[in-house]
Amino acid sequence: MSAPATTTATFEQDVLTADGPVLVDFWAEWCGPCRMVSPVLDQIQAENADKITIVKLNVDENPDLAMKYQITSIPAMKVFNKGEVETTIIGAKPKQALEQDLAAYLK
């Protein structure tokens, strides 16, 4: 199961007003490292569905949000909680490293 997409139109509902933490994966179709990290995020979501929600945001299709959240390199992941960015992760990482970065949310 792959993470659902969010867009400018659905971002507030999907992320800002969601119950619990939401990891937004800022990515683009042409980004090789983004494609490498995507199945890892899908695994983390499948194993922790009750703890964190993961959604994907295509920066090419939603440049306003990429600019608003100062996305200068991808993949970039931001964890939102109660509408605020709590954690930022930059770059593709192996599953263990991502789980370490997200440890506070996966307890």
Protein backbone atom coordinates (compact mmCIF):
# COMPACT_ATOMS: atom_id res chain seq x y z
CA MET A 1 0.00 0.00 0.00
CA SER A 2 1.54 3.29 -0.98
CA ALA A 3 1.06 6.53 0.91
CA PRO A 4 -1.84 8.66 -0.34
CA ALA A 5 -1.15 11.95 -2.08
CA THR A 6 -2.01 15.31 -0.62
CA THR A 7 -2.31 18.53 -2.61
CA THR A 8 -2.75 22.23 -2.02
CA ALA A 9 -6.51 21.63 -2.03
CA THR A 10 -6.45 18.86 0.59
CA PHE A 11 -3.36 19.79 2.65
CA GLU A 12 -5.21 21.48 5.49
CA GLN A 13 -7.57 18.54 5.96
CA ASP A 14 -4.94 15.82 5.35
CA VAL A 15 -2.15 17.37 7.42
CA LEU A 16 -2.86 20.53 9.39
CA THR A 17 -6.09 19.45 11.08
CA ALA A 18 -5.37 15.70 11.22
CA ASP A 19 -5.55 13.78 14.48
CA GLY A 20 -2.03 12.80 15.47
CA PRO A 21 1.29 13.21 13.69
CA VAL A 22 1.46 13.30 9.88
CA LEU A 23 4.69 12.84 7.93
CA VAL A 24 4.63 14.67 4.61
CA ASP A 25 7.01 13.24 2.02
CA PHE A 26 7.92 16.11 -0.34
CA TRP A 27 8.97 14.42 -3.59
CA ALA A 28 9.03 14.64 -7.39
CA GLU A 29 8.65 12.08 -10.16
CA TRP A 30 12.15 12.73 -11.56
CA CYS A 31 13.90 12.33 -8.17
CA GLY A 32 15.75 9.00 -7.89
CA PRO A 33 16.36 9.21 -4.12
CA CYS A 34 12.65 10.02 -3.65
CA ARG A 35 11.75 6.78 -5.43
CA MET A 36 14.21 4.91 -3.19
CA VAL A 37 12.72 6.23 0.06
CA SER A 38 9.08 5.79 -0.97
CA PRO A 39 8.82 2.00 -0.33
CA VAL A 40 10.63 2.48 3.00
CA LEU A 41 8.02 5.04 4.07
CA ASP A 42 5.28 2.67 2.91
CA GLN A 43 6.76 -0.05 5.17
CA ILE A 44 6.96 2.32 8.14
CA GLN A 45 3.34 3.38 7.54
CA ALA A 46 2.14 -0.24 7.31
CA GLU A 47 3.91 -1.16 10.55
CA ASN A 48 2.84 1.99 12.45
CA ALA A 49 -0.55 2.90 11.02
CA ASP A 50 -1.94 3.54 14.50
CA LYS A 51 0.90 5.94 15.41
CA ILE A 52 1.68 8.10 12.36
CA THR A 53 0.09 8.93 9.02
CA ILE A 54 2.28 9.32 5.94
CA VAL A 55 1.22 11.31 2.87
CA LYS A 56 3.11 12.34 -0.27
CA LEU A 57 3.23 15.82 -1.76
CA ASN A 58 4.52 16.25 -5.32
CA VAL A 59 6.56 19.49 -5.27
CA ASP A 60 6.23 19.97 -9.04
CA GLU A 61 2.43 19.87 -8.83
CA ASN A 62 2.22 21.90 -5.58
CA PRO A 63 5.01 24.50 -5.75
CA ASP A 64 3.18 26.86 -3.38
CA LEU A 65 3.45 24.38 -0.50
CA ALA A 66 7.05 23.51 -1.37
CA MET A 67 7.88 27.21 -1.17
CA LYS A 68 5.85 27.78 2.01
CA TYR A 69 7.68 24.99 3.83
CA GLN A 70 11.08 25.98 2.37
CA ILE A 71 11.72 22.75 0.50
CA THR A 72 15.07 23.35 -1.23
CA SER A 73 16.12 19.74 -1.74
CA ILE A 74 14.20 16.50 -1.99
CA PRO A 75 13.38 14.06 -0.66
CA ALA A 76 12.40 16.10 2.34
CA MET A 77 10.08 14.84 5.04
CA LYS A 78 8.36 16.97 7.64
CA VAL A 79 6.36 15.68 10.56
CA PHE A 80 3.40 17.90 11.39
CA ASN A 81 1.59 17.66 14.71
CA LYS A 82 -1.37 19.90 15.53
CA GLY A 83 -0.64 21.93 12.40
CA GLU A 84 2.99 22.68 13.28
CA VAL A 85 6.21 21.26 11.85
CA GLU A 86 7.90 19.30 14.63
CA THR A 87 10.58 17.35 12.76
CA THR A 88 12.37 17.77 9.42
CA ILE A 89 14.29 14.96 7.70
CA ILE A 90 16.30 15.67 4.56
CA GLY A 91 17.54 13.06 2.11
CA ALA A 92 16.97 9.38 1.44
CA LYS A 93 17.88 7.17 4.37
CA PRO A 94 17.63 3.46 5.11
CA LYS A 95 14.63 2.26 7.11
CA GLN A 96 16.53 1.96 10.38
CA ALA A 97 17.78 5.56 10.16
CA LEU A 98 14.29 6.87 9.34
CA GLU A 99 12.81 4.91 12.23
CA GLN A 100 15.43 6.45 14.50
CA ASP A 101 14.52 9.94 13.26
CA LEU A 102 10.84 9.14 13.87
CA ALA A 103 11.33 7.30 17.17
CA ALA A 104 9.34 9.88 19.16
CA TYR A 105 6.27 9.14 16.99
CA LEU A 106 6.64 5.36 16.70
CA LYS A 107 6.56 4.51 20.41
